[in-house]
Amino acid sequence: MESEILMQLHRRVLMDFLDVLILLKLNNGMLSDYEILAHIQKRFNVPITPGTVYSCLHHLEKNKLIREVHSAKKKVYALTSKGEKKAKILFGMRDKILGLVANLFL
């Protein structure tokens, strides 16, 4: 039961922070939707549907944080200047975000 609860929390956190995860990953360079999906599944070992990733990418694009770029026969995504600023702020807030999570258990 403990491992099931942990897996459920793991998935919830990942889903709630999917946009943040994508922004921070794109801060390292352009990626295709498939590469983003593969990274999430490999790094976090959580099954996630392509539709979930596409929906998040659409939301980030709509908010002008990322942009679609056509490169070598595939569509890739890159941060906009607004997205770069937000990623930089998120990196700077890392300890505060971890503190928020820690405060759940105090």
Foldseek 3Di string as FASTA:
>chain_A
DVVVVVLVVLVVVCLVCVLLVVLLVLLVHKDALVVSQVCCCVVSVDDDDSVSSVVSVVVCVVVQQKDWDDDDNGIIIHGDVNSNVVNVVCVVCVVVVVVVVVVVVD
